[in-house]
């Protein structure tokens, strides 16, 4: 399975999931309207205000479920479109056509190692004419250390 096929399958699955959620909210909206109607009938028969209050609450729930149904249908449509786009996408064999040419990069020619405490000192290959620049005189180093300490 290619990435393109995987993404296409994924978007189809997500769209299906959102359609199921939209269907659920559609059923809940219908149920809330039915309950509101029942409470309206009971309020009319008994004259009790509580039934009118429940009816209005059920209508408010129905509106929420209606909006959620619409929301999930939009999300499902988006993922259906994305699945269709994945079907039209470029295959991985065609990606070599998209690789840029004439790419230049700046690569450092000299890398300086920074030794950490306890780490062995790296060896340095220095041209013979420059050895005097890198030479460490142990006696001179000891004198400079004693000057700073004493």
Foldseek 3Di string as FASTA:
>chain_A
DAPLVVLLVVLLVLLVVLLVLLVVLQVLLVVLQVQLVVLVVVCVVPVDVVSNVSSVVSNVSSVVSNVSSVVSNVSSVVSNVVSVVSVVDDGPVCVVVVDDPPDDDDDDPDDDDDDDPPGDDDDDDDDPVCVVVVDDDPVVVVVVVVVVVD
